[in-house]
Amino acid sequence: MQRNLVYHLYQTILAMDNSGKRKYVMRHWKRLAWHSMRDFMQWAVLAITVVGSLIAFLPTNQAVWLKVAIPYFITAYFPIFCLIIILILVLAVLINWPRTRAVYKDKQTDIWVIIECCDILKQEGLKVIHTVDTFDTDLERIISPKSLHGAFLQLCKQKNIAVEELIDAALEDVNPLQTNIDLPGRQEQYALGTLCPIEIENDPFCCVAFTRLQPNGTIQISKEEYITCLKKMWYNLSDPRRRNDTVNVAVMGNKFVDLPSEFSTEQKIDLMIQTFFAVAREKNCCRVLRICVHPDNAPDIDFQKYPVIIEHLAKRPVI
């Protein structure tokens, strides 16, 4: 109990220091308030039950004294009594504070896996950006500004970075899978899992072909392609030329891709972990893997149980 409470205090401080986590907590303040009050009332009922049981089983003279003493002490030490009530309420809030981070260290590989509600663009280390297989940069016709790809392009625009030139330079020695003249933007399509490393003001990024662009402007990826793409991505990231101590990868959402509706956020994370360890057992990809969860998807995840889940998934890698 003490260890869990200390861990909760630590996670609470982390949540207050991250805009993504703050957004998640603010969106679910009603749930936090309800569960906190529920626990407070349960503790109050337990305290009343204990006191009532003492009064019932004590001899008559002591029971009468207790009935008189309790109201007297509450009245005489009312400020202290109020402080105790406030501390109990604070404790209830801390215990029910939404957990937005899970940490696991794999003993076999000494790799840390962190699942965290955060903004991937603000993390330290290599940031993996999901893009279409043409590595397009057209925010008006093709790329949604609300997607991670769109947010990355907007960041480049704010910093006056000629991202199109950087992409062309990074893909100069990579052969495209095919050329499709019917596509609305860039017409060279690359194999899913292809990496396009880009450095912006000494900050490493790596665009990854993760979805297939269609002539009508929509993007698609099947569950099988998702798994294949993940495995290829981990293998490519293990290349010594691209290796980084910390790799940040976001969880892909369902809004902009053709994935089954039942393919939940947790299932995506599970496959990311399984495919990662399938490669990490053979090749050194990184020292820390951070899986970044968008605040909109955080309610789907039980962060508290994930260290145990990661340990189980690490032993069952997807081959």
Protein backbone atom coordinates (compact mmCIF):
# COMPACT_ATOMS: atom_id res chain seq x y z
CA MET A 1 0.00 0.00 0.00
CA GLN A 2 2.79 2.43 0.96
CA ARG A 3 4.76 1.63 -2.20
CA ASN A 4 1.66 2.08 -4.38
CA LEU A 5 0.89 5.42 -2.71
CA VAL A 6 4.45 6.70 -3.27
CA TYR A 7 4.24 5.55 -6.90
CA HIS A 8 0.91 7.38 -7.25
CA LEU A 9 2.41 10.58 -5.84
CA TYR A 10 5.26 10.28 -8.35
CA GLN A 11 2.86 9.70 -11.25
CA THR A 12 0.70 12.63 -10.12
CA ILE A 13 3.69 14.98 -10.22
CA LEU A 14 4.59 13.68 -13.70
CA ALA A 15 1.03 14.21 -14.90
CA MET A 16 1.05 17.80 -13.69
CA ASP A 17 4.27 18.41 -15.64
CA ASN A 18 2.99 17.32 -19.04
CA SER A 19 0.41 19.12 -21.18
CA GLY A 20 -0.89 15.90 -22.73
CA LYS A 21 -1.42 14.32 -19.32
CA ARG A 22 -3.01 17.49 -17.95
CA LYS A 23 -5.42 17.46 -20.89
CA TYR A 24 -6.29 13.83 -20.19
CA VAL A 25 -6.88 14.50 -16.47
CA MET A 26 -8.99 17.60 -17.17
CA ARG A 27 -11.17 15.67 -19.60
CA HIS A 28 -11.88 13.05 -16.92
CA TRP A 29 -12.20 15.23 -13.83
CA LYS A 30 -15.79 14.04 -13.27
CA ARG A 31 -14.65 10.43 -13.06
CA LEU A 32 -11.81 11.46 -10.74
CA ALA A 33 -14.22 13.39 -8.47
CA TRP A 34 -16.76 10.55 -8.41
CA HIS A 35 -14.26 7.83 -7.52
CA SER A 36 -12.56 10.04 -4.93
CA MET A 37 -15.87 10.79 -3.19
CA ARG A 38 -16.82 7.12 -3.40
CA ASP A 39 -13.63 6.09 -1.60
CA PHE A 40 -14.03 8.89 0.95
CA MET A 41 -17.58 7.78 1.77
CA GLN A 42 -16.46 4.15 2.05
CA TRP A 43 -13.74 5.14 4.52
CA ALA A 44 -16.21 7.31 6.47
CA VAL A 45 -18.69 4.42 6.68
CA LEU A 46 -15.87 2.11 7.80
CA ALA A 47 -14.82 4.58 10.53
CA ILE A 48 -18.42 4.95 11.75
CA THR A 49 -18.84 1.18 11.72
CA VAL A 50 -15.68 0.68 13.78
CA VAL A 51 -16.73 3.32 16.33
CA GLY A 52 -20.26 1.92 16.45
CA SER A 53 -18.91 -1.59 17.03
CA LEU A 54 -16.72 -0.31 19.89
CA ILE A 55 -19.70 1.37 21.51
CA ALA A 56 -21.82 -1.77 21.12
CA PHE A 57 -19.27 -4.12 22.68
CA LEU A 58 -17.87 -1.86 25.39
CA PRO A 59 -19.27 -2.02 28.94
CA THR A 60 -22.16 0.39 29.50
CA ASN A 61 -20.17 2.95 31.52
CA GLN A 62 -17.36 3.10 28.94
CA ALA A 63 -19.81 3.25 26.04
CA VAL A 64 -21.56 6.22 27.60
CA TRP A 65 -18.19 7.95 28.13
CA LEU A 66 -17.26 7.32 24.49
CA LYS A 67 -20.57 8.76 23.24
CA VAL A 68 -19.89 11.93 25.24
CA ALA A 69 -16.15 12.11 24.49
CA ILE A 70 -16.35 11.86 20.70
CA PRO A 71 -18.60 14.95 20.19
CA TYR A 72 -16.51 16.83 22.78
CA PHE A 73 -13.21 16.14 21.01
CA ILE A 74 -14.72 17.03 17.61
CA THR A 75 -15.97 20.36 19.02
CA ALA A 76 -12.84 21.16 21.01
CA TYR A 77 -10.43 20.29 18.21
CA PHE A 78 -12.61 21.26 15.25
CA PRO A 79 -9.77 22.77 13.12
CA ILE A 80 -7.71 19.59 13.53
CA PHE A 81 -10.76 17.48 12.72
CA CYS A 82 -11.35 19.51 9.53
CA LEU A 83 -7.67 19.13 8.60
CA ILE A 84 -7.95 15.34 8.98
CA ILE A 85 -11.03 15.33 6.71
CA ILE A 86 -9.18 17.40 4.10
CA LEU A 87 -6.14 15.11 4.23
CA ILE A 88 -8.37 12.07 3.74
CA LEU A 89 -10.02 13.74 0.74
CA VAL A 90 -6.60 14.57 -0.74
CA LEU A 91 -5.50 10.98 -0.19
CA ALA A 92 -8.63 9.74 -2.00
CA VAL A 93 -7.90 12.06 -4.95
CA LEU A 94 -4.27 10.91 -5.16
CA ILE A 95 -5.23 7.23 -5.06
CA ASN A 96 -7.77 7.75 -7.87
CA TRP A 97 -5.59 10.11 -9.92
CA PRO A 98 -5.54 8.77 -13.50
CA ARG A 99 -2.35 6.86 -14.18
CA THR A 100 -0.86 8.03 -17.43
CA ARG A 101 2.43 6.15 -17.44
CA ALA A 102 3.64 2.55 -17.26
CA VAL A 103 7.31 1.53 -17.02
CA TYR A 104 8.89 -1.89 -17.52
CA LYS A 105 12.52 -3.05 -17.74
CA ASP A 106 13.26 -6.25 -19.62
CA LYS A 107 15.88 -8.23 -17.67
CA GLN A 108 17.09 -10.18 -20.68
CA THR A 109 17.86 -7.20 -22.90
CA ASP A 110 18.09 -4.37 -20.30
CA ILE A 111 15.65 -2.39 -22.43
CA TRP A 112 13.20 0.02 -20.82
CA VAL A 113 9.68 0.17 -22.25
CA ILE A 114 7.59 3.21 -21.30
CA ILE A 115 3.94 3.64 -22.25
CA GLU A 116 3.00 7.23 -21.64
CA CYS A 117 0.25 9.75 -22.37
CA CYS A 118 2.34 12.50 -23.94
CA ASP A 119 3.12 14.61 -27.00
CA ILE A 120 5.65 12.67 -29.07
CA LEU A 121 6.97 15.84 -30.74
CA LYS A 122 8.16 17.16 -27.35
CA GLN A 123 10.06 14.03 -26.26
CA GLU A 124 13.83 13.59 -26.20
CA GLY A 125 15.41 11.08 -28.55
CA LEU A 126 14.40 9.81 -31.98
CA LYS A 127 10.78 10.56 -32.85
CA VAL A 128 9.14 8.15 -35.31
CA ILE A 129 6.50 9.87 -37.47
CA HIS A 130 3.83 7.80 -39.25
CA THR A 131 3.48 9.01 -42.85
CA VAL A 132 1.88 7.86 -46.08
CA ASP A 133 3.97 5.67 -48.38
CA THR A 134 4.73 8.65 -50.66
CA PHE A 135 6.10 10.78 -47.79
CA ASP A 136 3.80 13.57 -48.98
CA THR A 137 3.89 17.09 -47.51
CA ASP A 138 0.65 18.56 -48.90
CA LEU A 139 -1.33 19.74 -45.84
CA GLU A 140 -4.14 21.21 -47.94
CA ARG A 141 -5.18 18.25 -50.09
CA ILE A 142 -3.67 15.06 -48.66
CA ILE A 143 -2.39 15.21 -45.08
CA SER A 144 -4.80 15.98 -42.24
CA PRO A 145 -3.42 18.71 -39.93
CA LYS A 146 -4.92 16.74 -37.00
CA SER A 147 -2.78 13.67 -37.70
CA LEU A 148 0.75 13.14 -36.36
CA HIS A 149 2.08 13.51 -39.90
CA GLY A 150 0.24 16.83 -40.19
CA ALA A 151 1.47 18.05 -36.79
CA PHE A 152 5.05 17.24 -37.83
CA LEU A 153 4.69 19.16 -41.10
CA GLN A 154 3.23 22.13 -39.23
CA LEU A 155 6.23 22.05 -36.87
CA CYS A 156 8.57 22.15 -39.86
CA LYS A 157 6.61 25.04 -41.32
CA GLN A 158 6.86 27.01 -38.06
CA LYS A 159 10.63 26.50 -38.04
CA ASN A 160 10.92 27.42 -41.75
CA ILE A 161 12.32 23.97 -42.57
CA ALA A 162 12.27 22.90 -46.24
CA VAL A 163 11.06 19.43 -45.32
CA GLU A 164 10.44 18.42 -48.95
CA GLU A 165 14.15 18.86 -49.73
CA LEU A 166 15.16 16.91 -46.62
CA ILE A 167 12.87 14.04 -47.62
CA ASP A 168 14.26 13.95 -51.16
CA ALA A 169 17.81 13.86 -49.81
CA ALA A 170 17.02 11.09 -47.32
CA LEU A 171 15.34 8.93 -50.00
CA GLU A 172 17.97 9.51 -52.67
CA ASP A 173 19.43 5.99 -52.31
CA VAL A 174 16.09 4.24 -51.67
CA ASN A 175 14.27 2.65 -54.59
CA PRO A 176 10.50 3.24 -54.66
CA LEU A 177 8.17 0.26 -54.79
CA GLN A 178 6.23 1.72 -57.72
CA THR A 179 5.24 4.98 -59.41
CA ASN A 180 1.53 5.75 -59.52
CA ILE A 181 0.66 8.68 -61.79
CA ASP A 182 -2.92 8.70 -60.45
CA LEU A 183 -1.88 9.86 -56.99
CA PRO A 184 -2.71 13.49 -56.12
CA GLY A 185 0.73 14.44 -54.73
CA ARG A 186 4.12 12.72 -54.83
CA GLN A 187 3.80 9.69 -57.09
CA GLU A 188 6.65 7.44 -55.94
CA GLN A 189 5.30 4.90 -53.44
CA TYR A 190 7.72 3.15 -51.07
CA ALA A 191 7.40 -0.15 -49.26
CA LEU A 192 5.64 0.03 -45.87
CA GLY A 193 8.24 0.27 -43.11
CA THR A 194 10.65 2.36 -45.22
CA LEU A 195 12.50 4.93 -43.10
CA CYS A 196 13.20 8.54 -43.99
CA PRO A 197 15.53 10.01 -41.31
CA ILE A 198 15.36 13.78 -40.91
CA GLU A 199 17.18 16.06 -38.48
CA ILE A 200 15.61 19.38 -37.52
CA GLU A 201 17.82 21.73 -35.52
CA ASN A 202 19.83 18.73 -34.20
CA ASP A 203 16.59 17.04 -33.14
CA PRO A 204 16.30 13.57 -34.75
CA PHE A 205 13.08 12.52 -36.50
CA CYS A 206 12.34 9.51 -38.66
CA CYS A 207 9.39 9.41 -41.02
CA VAL A 208 8.10 5.89 -41.67
CA ALA A 209 5.90 4.79 -44.57
CA PHE A 210 3.01 3.41 -42.53
CA THR A 211 -0.10 3.77 -44.73
CA ARG A 212 -0.88 3.38 -48.41
CA LEU A 213 -2.10 6.51 -50.21
CA GLN A 214 -5.00 5.94 -52.62
CA PRO A 215 -5.73 7.96 -55.82
CA ASN A 216 -8.83 9.46 -54.17
CA GLY A 217 -6.69 10.87 -51.35
CA THR A 218 -7.66 8.34 -48.66
CA ILE A 219 -5.12 6.22 -46.81
CA GLN A 220 -5.32 2.54 -45.90
CA ILE A 221 -3.55 -0.18 -43.97
CA SER A 222 -4.77 -3.64 -42.97
CA LYS A 223 -4.01 -5.39 -39.70
CA GLU A 224 -1.62 -7.77 -41.46
CA GLU A 225 0.19 -4.86 -43.13
CA TYR A 226 0.34 -3.12 -39.74
CA ILE A 227 2.22 -6.08 -38.22
CA THR A 228 4.55 -6.43 -41.23
CA CYS A 229 5.24 -2.71 -41.21
CA LEU A 230 6.10 -2.75 -37.49
CA LYS A 231 8.58 -5.61 -37.85
CA LYS A 232 10.28 -4.00 -40.83
CA MET A 233 10.41 -0.67 -39.00
CA TRP A 234 12.13 -2.22 -35.94
CA TYR A 235 14.67 -4.01 -38.17
CA ASN A 236 15.45 -0.79 -40.03
CA LEU A 237 15.79 1.16 -36.77
CA SER A 238 18.35 -1.39 -35.54
CA ASP A 239 20.70 -0.29 -38.33
CA PRO A 240 23.79 1.24 -36.60
CA ARG A 241 23.47 4.33 -38.83
CA ARG A 242 20.02 5.10 -37.43
CA ARG A 243 20.25 3.67 -33.92
CA ASN A 244 19.34 5.97 -31.06
CA ASP A 245 19.33 5.37 -27.30
CA THR A 246 15.70 6.50 -27.02
CA VAL A 247 13.04 5.80 -29.64
CA ASN A 248 9.61 7.43 -29.39
CA VAL A 249 6.73 5.88 -31.32
CA ALA A 250 3.12 7.06 -31.31
CA VAL A 251 0.10 4.76 -31.31
CA MET A 252 -1.69 5.03 -34.63
CA GLY A 253 -5.33 6.10 -34.42
CA ASN A 254 -8.33 4.78 -36.35
CA LYS A 255 -9.61 8.14 -37.62
CA PHE A 256 -7.37 8.35 -40.68
CA VAL A 257 -6.62 4.71 -41.51
CA ASP A 258 -8.59 1.71 -42.73
CA LEU A 259 -8.20 -0.50 -39.66
CA PRO A 260 -10.93 -2.72 -38.19
CA SER A 261 -13.03 -0.88 -35.60
CA GLU A 262 -12.45 -3.71 -33.12
CA PHE A 263 -8.67 -3.20 -33.46
CA SER A 264 -8.36 -1.32 -30.17
CA THR A 265 -5.60 0.97 -28.91
CA GLU A 266 -4.44 -1.73 -26.49
CA GLN A 267 -4.21 -4.30 -29.31
CA LYS A 268 -2.05 -1.89 -31.32
CA ILE A 269 0.24 -1.35 -28.34
CA ASP A 270 0.45 -5.10 -27.72
CA LEU A 271 1.55 -5.72 -31.31
CA MET A 272 4.08 -2.87 -31.11
CA ILE A 273 5.63 -4.49 -28.04
CA GLN A 274 5.56 -8.04 -29.44
CA THR A 275 7.11 -7.09 -32.78
CA PHE A 276 9.68 -4.90 -31.01
CA PHE A 277 10.93 -7.71 -28.78
CA ALA A 278 10.94 -10.12 -31.73
CA VAL A 279 13.64 -7.89 -33.23
CA ALA A 280 15.26 -6.70 -29.99
CA ARG A 281 16.10 -10.29 -29.03
CA GLU A 282 18.38 -10.41 -32.10
CA LYS A 283 19.40 -6.81 -32.73
CA ASN A 284 19.91 -3.75 -30.57
CA CYS A 285 17.21 -1.26 -31.56
CA CYS A 286 17.47 1.14 -28.62
CA ARG A 287 17.92 1.36 -24.87
CA VAL A 288 14.54 3.02 -24.17
CA LEU A 289 11.33 2.54 -26.15
CA ARG A 290 8.65 5.11 -25.37
CA ILE A 291 5.18 4.42 -26.76
CA CYS A 292 3.32 7.74 -26.83
CA VAL A 293 -0.45 7.64 -26.38
CA HIS A 294 -2.69 10.52 -27.45
CA PRO A 295 -4.96 11.87 -24.66
CA ASP A 296 -8.02 10.89 -26.75
CA ASN A 297 -6.93 7.23 -26.66
CA ALA A 298 -5.70 7.17 -23.04
CA PRO A 299 -9.10 6.15 -21.53
CA ASP A 300 -8.84 2.87 -23.46
CA ILE A 301 -5.66 1.88 -21.59
CA ASP A 302 -5.20 0.50 -18.11
CA PHE A 303 -1.72 1.88 -17.38
CA GLN A 304 -1.64 0.19 -13.98
CA LYS A 305 -1.64 -3.34 -15.38
CA TYR A 306 0.70 -2.71 -18.33
CA PRO A 307 4.04 -3.57 -16.66
CA VAL A 308 2.75 -7.12 -16.15
CA ILE A 309 1.32 -7.22 -19.69
CA ILE A 310 4.63 -6.06 -21.20
CA GLU A 311 6.50 -8.79 -19.32
CA HIS A 312 4.08 -11.36 -20.74
CA LEU A 313 4.21 -9.95 -24.29
CA ALA A 314 8.03 -9.80 -24.27
CA LYS A 315 8.05 -13.58 -23.86
CA ARG A 316 5.62 -14.06 -26.78
CA PRO A 317 7.16 -12.01 -29.63
CA VAL A 318 5.46 -11.93 -33.02
CA ILE A 319 7.76 -13.69 -35.49
